[in-house]
Amino acid sequence: MNLTQAVIGQEYLVKDISTEDEELNEFLFTLGCYSGEPVTVVSQLHQGYVICVKDGRYNIDKNLAQAILI
């Protein structure tokens, strides 16, 4: 299951990041989004999602949300 299938407002644990793009992995790591960390989808937008990771809220596109497995 990935973030595009998450229930809005429910907290999930990140199981894995499904991408071979090392730059993307590093970017997500700097946000605090890596295996074992809690993540919540706050809202769904037309082209993406607002997620809460640690103490921050971030707007991510659909492709990035699909790469985050929960």
PDB file of N, CA and C in Angstrom:
ATOM      1  N   MET A   1       0.858  -1.178   0.000  1.00  0.00           N
ATOM      2  CA  MET A   1       0.000   0.000   0.000  1.00  0.00           C
ATOM      3  C   MET A   1       0.900   1.236   0.000  1.00  0.00           C
ATOM      4  N   ASN A   2       0.507   2.266  -0.744  1.00  0.00           N
ATOM      5  CA  ASN A   2       1.298   3.491  -0.754  1.00  0.00           C
ATOM      6  C   ASN A   2       0.455   4.666  -0.249  1.00  0.00           C
ATOM      7  N   LEU A   3       1.059   5.843  -0.181  1.00  0.00           N
ATOM      8  CA  LEU A   3       0.364   6.993   0.400  1.00  0.00           C
ATOM      9  C   LEU A   3      -0.867   7.422  -0.384  1.00  0.00           C
ATOM     10  N   THR A   4      -0.938   7.114  -1.664  1.00  0.00           N
ATOM     11  CA  THR A   4      -2.124   7.497  -2.437  1.00  0.00           C
ATOM     12  C   THR A   4      -3.360   6.724  -1.987  1.00  0.00           C
ATOM     13  N   GLN A   5      -3.155   5.620  -1.281  1.00  0.00           N
ATOM     14  CA  GLN A   5      -4.260   4.786  -0.800  1.00  0.00           C
ATOM     15  C   GLN A   5      -4.571   5.017   0.679  1.00  0.00           C
ATOM     16  N   ALA A   6      -3.871   5.950   1.297  1.00  0.00           N
ATOM     17  CA  ALA A   6      -4.036   6.196   2.729  1.00  0.00           C
ATOM     18  C   ALA A   6      -5.344   6.923   3.025  1.00  0.00           C
ATOM     19  N   VAL A   7      -5.867   6.673   4.215  1.00  0.00           N
ATOM     20  CA  VAL A   7      -7.040   7.385   4.712  1.00  0.00           C
ATOM     21  C   VAL A   7      -6.553   8.718   5.276  1.00  0.00           C
ATOM     22  N   ILE A   8      -7.185   9.797   4.855  1.00  0.00           N
ATOM     23  CA  ILE A   8      -6.782  11.127   5.307  1.00  0.00           C
ATOM     24  C   ILE A   8      -6.969  11.238   6.813  1.00  0.00           C
ATOM     25  N   GLY A   9      -5.918  11.714   7.491  1.00  0.00           N
ATOM     26  CA  GLY A   9      -5.959  11.904   8.934  1.00  0.00           C
ATOM     27  C   GLY A   9      -5.471  10.722   9.745  1.00  0.00           C
ATOM     28  N   GLN A  10      -5.258   9.590   9.129  1.00  0.00           N
ATOM     29  CA  GLN A  10      -4.785   8.401   9.846  1.00  0.00           C
ATOM     30  C   GLN A  10      -3.266   8.314   9.761  1.00  0.00           C
ATOM     31  N   GLU A  11      -2.637   7.981  10.884  1.00  0.00           N
ATOM     32  CA  GLU A  11      -1.177   7.857  10.923  1.00  0.00           C
ATOM     33  C   GLU A  11      -0.748   6.456  10.480  1.00  0.00           C
ATOM     34  N   TYR A  12       0.289   6.411   9.670  1.00  0.00           N
ATOM     35  CA  TYR A  12       0.861   5.157   9.179  1.00  0.00           C
ATOM     36  C   TYR A  12       2.357   5.170   9.429  1.00  0.00           C
ATOM     37  N   LEU A  13       2.966   3.996   9.415  1.00  0.00           N
ATOM     38  CA  LEU A  13       4.420   3.898   9.475  1.00  0.00           C
ATOM     39  C   LEU A  13       4.944   3.657   8.068  1.00  0.00           C
ATOM     40  N   VAL A  14       6.008   4.355   7.725  1.00  0.00           N
ATOM     41  CA  VAL A  14       6.641   4.149   6.424  1.00  0.00           C
ATOM     42  C   VAL A  14       7.317   2.784   6.451  1.00  0.00           C
ATOM     43  N   LYS A  15       6.970   1.925   5.498  1.00  0.00           N
ATOM     44  CA  LYS A  15       7.591   0.600   5.408  1.00  0.00           C
ATOM     45  C   LYS A  15       8.819   0.629   4.520  1.00  0.00           C
ATOM     46  N   ASP A  16       8.728   1.391   3.429  1.00  0.00           N
ATOM     47  CA  ASP A  16       9.835   1.431   2.469  1.00  0.00           C
ATOM     48  C   ASP A  16       9.622   2.591   1.513  1.00  0.00           C
ATOM     49  N   ILE A  17      10.688   2.976   0.843  1.00  0.00           N
ATOM     50  CA  ILE A  17      10.623   3.953  -0.235  1.00  0.00           C
ATOM     51  C   ILE A  17      10.925   3.191  -1.519  1.00  0.00           C
ATOM     52  N   SER A  18       9.955   3.142  -2.407  1.00  0.00           N
ATOM     53  CA  SER A  18      10.069   2.337  -3.619  1.00  0.00           C
ATOM     54  C   SER A  18      10.557   3.180  -4.798  1.00  0.00           C
ATOM     55  N   THR A  19      11.841   3.474  -4.796  1.00  0.00           N
ATOM     56  CA  THR A  19      12.446   4.208  -5.902  1.00  0.00           C
ATOM     57  C   THR A  19      13.927   3.866  -5.980  1.00  0.00           C
ATOM     58  N   GLU A  20      14.444   3.893  -7.180  1.00  0.00           N
ATOM     59  CA  GLU A  20      15.876   3.672  -7.364  1.00  0.00           C
ATOM     60  C   GLU A  20      16.610   4.991  -7.557  1.00  0.00           C
ATOM     61  N   ASP A  21      15.877   6.096  -7.474  1.00  0.00           N
ATOM     62  CA  ASP A  21      16.452   7.431  -7.620  1.00  0.00           C
ATOM     63  C   ASP A  21      17.103   7.834  -6.298  1.00  0.00           C
ATOM     64  N   GLU A  22      18.415   7.826  -6.260  1.00  0.00           N
ATOM     65  CA  GLU A  22      19.147   8.124  -5.027  1.00  0.00           C
ATOM     66  C   GLU A  22      18.887   9.550  -4.546  1.00  0.00           C
ATOM     67  N   GLU A  23      18.728  10.480  -5.472  1.00  0.00           N
ATOM     68  CA  GLU A  23      18.443  11.865  -5.111  1.00  0.00           C
ATOM     69  C   GLU A  23      17.104  11.974  -4.387  1.00  0.00           C
ATOM     70  N   LEU A  24      16.122  11.241  -4.870  1.00  0.00           N
ATOM     71  CA  LEU A  24      14.803  11.231  -4.243  1.00  0.00           C
ATOM     72  C   LEU A  24      14.876  10.615  -2.850  1.00  0.00           C
ATOM     73  N   ASN A  25      15.617   9.529  -2.708  1.00  0.00           N
ATOM     74  CA  ASN A  25      15.801   8.911  -1.389  1.00  0.00           C
ATOM     75  C   ASN A  25      16.435   9.886  -0.410  1.00  0.00           C
ATOM     76  N   GLU A  26      17.453  10.609  -0.853  1.00  0.00           N
ATOM     77  CA  GLU A  26      18.121  11.579   0.017  1.00  0.00           C
ATOM     78  C   GLU A  26      17.181  12.715   0.395  1.00  0.00           C
ATOM     79  N   PHE A  27      16.379  13.174  -0.572  1.00  0.00           N
ATOM     80  CA  PHE A  27      15.421  14.245  -0.303  1.00  0.00           C
ATOM     81  C   PHE A  27      14.420  13.816   0.769  1.00  0.00           C
ATOM     82  N   LEU A  28      13.852  12.631   0.611  1.00  0.00           N
ATOM     83  CA  LEU A  28      12.885  12.133   1.593  1.00  0.00           C
ATOM     84  C   LEU A  28      13.530  11.940   2.960  1.00  0.00           C
ATOM     85  N   PHE A  29      14.783  11.485   2.971  1.00  0.00           N
ATOM     86  CA  PHE A  29      15.497  11.304   4.232  1.00  0.00           C
ATOM     87  C   PHE A  29      15.662  12.640   4.951  1.00  0.00           C
ATOM     88  N   THR A  30      15.962  13.713   4.197  1.00  0.00           N
ATOM     89  CA  THR A  30      16.124  15.028   4.828  1.00  0.00           C
ATOM     90  C   THR A  30      14.811  15.538   5.414  1.00  0.00           C
ATOM     91  N   LEU A  31      13.681  15.087   4.854  1.00  0.00           N
ATOM     92  CA  LEU A  31      12.376  15.459   5.405  1.00  0.00           C
ATOM     93  C   LEU A  31      12.030  14.637   6.645  1.00  0.00           C
ATOM     94  N   GLY A  32      12.765  13.546   6.862  1.00  0.00           N
ATOM     95  CA  GLY A  32      12.461  12.646   7.968  1.00  0.00           C
ATOM     96  C   GLY A  32      11.538  11.523   7.552  1.00  0.00           C
ATOM     97  N   CYS A  33      11.384  11.337   6.257  1.00  0.00           N
ATOM     98  CA  CYS A  33      10.493  10.306   5.721  1.00  0.00           C
ATOM     99  C   CYS A  33      11.320   9.103   5.292  1.00  0.00           C
ATOM    100  N   TYR A  34      11.451   8.141   6.202  1.00  0.00           N
ATOM    101  CA  TYR A  34      12.195   6.921   5.923  1.00  0.00           C
ATOM    102  C   TYR A  34      11.572   5.783   6.719  1.00  0.00           C
ATOM    103  N   SER A  35      12.006   4.583   6.444  1.00  0.00           N
ATOM    104  CA  SER A  35      11.425   3.380   7.022  1.00  0.00           C
ATOM    105  C   SER A  35      11.319   3.467   8.543  1.00  0.00           C
ATOM    106  N   GLY A  36      10.119   3.157   9.057  1.00  0.00           N
ATOM    107  CA  GLY A  36       9.883   3.149  10.495  1.00  0.00           C
ATOM    108  C   GLY A  36       9.327   4.448  11.055  1.00  0.00           C
ATOM    109  N   GLU A  37       9.304   5.508  10.261  1.00  0.00           N
ATOM    110  CA  GLU A  37       8.822   6.804  10.740  1.00  0.00           C
ATOM    111  C   GLU A  37       7.325   6.963  10.479  1.00  0.00           C
ATOM    112  N   PRO A  38       6.613   7.616  11.391  1.00  0.00           N
ATOM    113  CA  PRO A  38       5.184   7.853  11.170  1.00  0.00           C
ATOM    114  C   PRO A  38       4.948   8.947  10.126  1.00  0.00           C
ATOM    115  N   VAL A  39       3.900   8.775   9.337  1.00  0.00           N
ATOM    116  CA  VAL A  39       3.509   9.758   8.323  1.00  0.00           C
ATOM    117  C   VAL A  39       1.983   9.808   8.279  1.00  0.00           C
ATOM    118  N   THR A  40       1.443  10.999   8.096  1.00  0.00           N
ATOM    119  CA  THR A  40      -0.001  11.190   8.014  1.00  0.00           C
ATOM    120  C   THR A  40      -0.328  11.998   6.768  1.00  0.00           C
ATOM    121  N   VAL A  41      -1.314  11.549   5.997  1.00  0.00           N
ATOM    122  CA  VAL A  41      -1.806  12.349   4.877  1.00  0.00           C
ATOM    123  C   VAL A  41      -2.824  13.328   5.459  1.00  0.00           C
ATOM    124  N   VAL A  42      -2.515  14.619   5.367  1.00  0.00           N
ATOM    125  CA  VAL A  42      -3.377  15.654   5.933  1.00  0.00           C
ATOM    126  C   VAL A  42      -4.512  15.992   4.974  1.00  0.00           C
ATOM    127  N   SER A  43      -4.191  16.096   3.689  1.00  0.00           N
ATOM    128  CA  SER A  43      -5.222  16.375   2.693  1.00  0.00           C
ATOM    129  C   SER A  43      -4.751  15.955   1.310  1.00  0.00           C
ATOM    130  N   GLN A  44      -5.720  15.777   0.432  1.00  0.00           N
ATOM    131  CA  GLN A  44      -5.422  15.431  -0.950  1.00  0.00           C
ATOM    132  C   GLN A  44      -5.761  16.638  -1.814  1.00  0.00           C
ATOM    133  N   LEU A  45      -4.815  17.024  -2.652  1.00  0.00           N
ATOM    134  CA  LEU A  45      -5.007  18.148  -3.554  1.00  0.00           C
ATOM    135  C   LEU A  45      -5.235  17.631  -4.964  1.00  0.00           C
ATOM    136  N   HIS A  46      -5.488  18.527  -5.881  1.00  0.00           N
ATOM    137  CA  HIS A  46      -5.740  18.132  -7.272  1.00  0.00           C
ATOM    138  C   HIS A  46      -4.564  17.353  -7.855  1.00  0.00           C
ATOM    139  N   GLN A  47      -3.354  17.811  -7.640  1.00  0.00           N
ATOM    140  CA  GLN A  47      -2.169  17.178  -8.223  1.00  0.00           C
ATOM    141  C   GLN A  47      -1.243  16.549  -7.191  1.00  0.00           C
ATOM    142  N   GLY A  48      -1.650  16.479  -5.927  1.00  0.00           N
ATOM    143  CA  GLY A  48      -0.745  15.922  -4.934  1.00  0.00           C
ATOM    144  C   GLY A  48      -1.381  15.758  -3.569  1.00  0.00           C
ATOM    145  N   TYR A  49      -0.513  15.720  -2.567  1.00  0.00           N
ATOM    146  CA  TYR A  49      -0.933  15.439  -1.200  1.00  0.00           C
ATOM    147  C   TYR A  49      -0.169  16.324  -0.227  1.00  0.00           C
ATOM    148  N   VAL A  50      -0.813  16.680   0.874  1.00  0.00           N
ATOM    149  CA  VAL A  50      -0.138  17.339   1.981  1.00  0.00           C
ATOM    150  C   VAL A  50       0.071  16.264   3.033  1.00  0.00           C
ATOM    151  N   ILE A  51       1.338  16.062   3.413  1.00  0.00           N
ATOM    152  CA  ILE A  51       1.647  15.039   4.410  1.00  0.00           C
ATOM    153  C   ILE A  51       2.315  15.676   5.613  1.00  0.00           C
ATOM    154  N   CYS A  52       2.178  15.025   6.744  1.00  0.00           N
ATOM    155  CA  CYS A  52       2.822  15.455   7.979  1.00  0.00           C
ATOM    156  C   CYS A  52       3.863  14.401   8.343  1.00  0.00           C
ATOM    157  N   VAL A  53       5.114  14.835   8.420  1.00  0.00           N
ATOM    158  CA  VAL A  53       6.224  13.967   8.801  1.00  0.00           C
ATOM    159  C   VAL A  53       6.988  14.685   9.900  1.00  0.00           C
ATOM    160  N   LYS A  54       7.157  14.005  11.024  1.00  0.00           N
ATOM    161  CA  LYS A  54       7.792  14.609  12.198  1.00  0.00           C
ATOM    162  C   LYS A  54       7.050  15.898  12.539  1.00  0.00           C
ATOM    163  N   ASP A  55       7.727  17.048  12.551  1.00  0.00           N
ATOM    164  CA  ASP A  55       7.082  18.309  12.924  1.00  0.00           C
ATOM    165  C   ASP A  55       6.742  19.182  11.726  1.00  0.00           C
ATOM    166  N   GLY A  56       6.841  18.635  10.516  1.00  0.00           N
ATOM    167  CA  GLY A  56       6.616  19.452   9.330  1.00  0.00           C
ATOM    168  C   GLY A  56       5.486  18.949   8.456  1.00  0.00           C
ATOM    169  N   ARG A  57       4.944  19.869   7.675  1.00  0.00           N
ATOM    170  CA  ARG A  57       3.939  19.528   6.662  1.00  0.00           C
ATOM    171  C   ARG A  57       4.540  19.819   5.301  1.00  0.00           C
ATOM    172  N   TYR A  58       4.340  18.887   4.378  1.00  0.00           N
ATOM    173  CA  TYR A  58       4.948  19.005   3.060  1.00  0.00           C
ATOM    174  C   TYR A  58       3.923  18.692   1.984  1.00  0.00           C
ATOM    175  N   ASN A  59       4.038  19.406   0.875  1.00  0.00           N
ATOM    176  CA  ASN A  59       3.202  19.150  -0.288  1.00  0.00           C
ATOM    177  C   ASN A  59       4.014  18.293  -1.251  1.00  0.00           C
ATOM    178  N   ILE A  60       3.524  17.102  -1.568  1.00  0.00           N
ATOM    179  CA  ILE A  60       4.241  16.211  -2.481  1.00  0.00           C
ATOM    180  C   ILE A  60       3.337  15.851  -3.653  1.00  0.00           C
ATOM    181  N   ASP A  61       3.942  15.546  -4.793  1.00  0.00           N
ATOM    182  CA  ASP A  61       3.134  15.176  -5.958  1.00  0.00           C
ATOM    183  C   ASP A  61       2.743  13.701  -5.891  1.00  0.00           C
ATOM    184  N   LYS A  62       1.869  13.308  -6.804  1.00  0.00           N
ATOM    185  CA  LYS A  62       1.322  11.951  -6.795  1.00  0.00           C
ATOM    186  C   LYS A  62       2.407  10.896  -6.997  1.00  0.00           C
ATOM    187  N   ASN A  63       3.377  11.166  -7.874  1.00  0.00           N
ATOM    188  CA  ASN A  63       4.452  10.200  -8.123  1.00  0.00           C
ATOM    189  C   ASN A  63       5.269   9.933  -6.868  1.00  0.00           C
ATOM    190  N   LEU A  64       5.547  10.976  -6.117  1.00  0.00           N
ATOM    191  CA  LEU A  64       6.297  10.814  -4.872  1.00  0.00           C
ATOM    192  C   LEU A  64       5.459  10.059  -3.840  1.00  0.00           C
ATOM    193  N   ALA A  65       4.175  10.362  -3.770  1.00  0.00           N
ATOM    194  CA  ALA A  65       3.287   9.658  -2.831  1.00  0.00           C
ATOM    195  C   ALA A  65       3.206   8.171  -3.159  1.00  0.00           C
ATOM    196  N   GLN A  66       3.257   7.831  -4.440  1.00  0.00           N
ATOM    197  CA  GLN A  66       3.212   6.426  -4.840  1.00  0.00           C
ATOM    198  C   GLN A  66       4.491   5.690  -4.456  1.00  0.00           C
ATOM    199  N   ALA A  67       5.590   6.401  -4.317  1.00  0.00           N
ATOM    200  CA  ALA A  67       6.866   5.776  -3.971  1.00  0.00           C
ATOM    201  C   ALA A  67       6.994   5.491  -2.477  1.00  0.00           C
ATOM    202  N   ILE A  68       6.150   6.117  -1.656  1.00  0.00           N
ATOM    203  CA  ILE A  68       6.224   5.934  -0.204  1.00  0.00           C
ATOM    204  C   ILE A  68       5.268   4.811   0.191  1.00  0.00           C
ATOM    205  N   LEU A  69       5.832   3.674   0.567  1.00  0.00           N
ATOM    206  CA  LEU A  69       5.030   2.508   0.947  1.00  0.00           C
ATOM    207  C   LEU A  69       4.734   2.533   2.436  1.00  0.00           C
ATOM    208  N   ILE A  70       3.473   2.232   2.774  1.00  0.00           N
ATOM    209  CA  ILE A  70       3.053   2.251   4.182  1.00  0.00           C
ATOM    210  C   ILE A  70       2.451   0.910   4.560  1.00  0.00           C
TER     211      ILE A  70
END
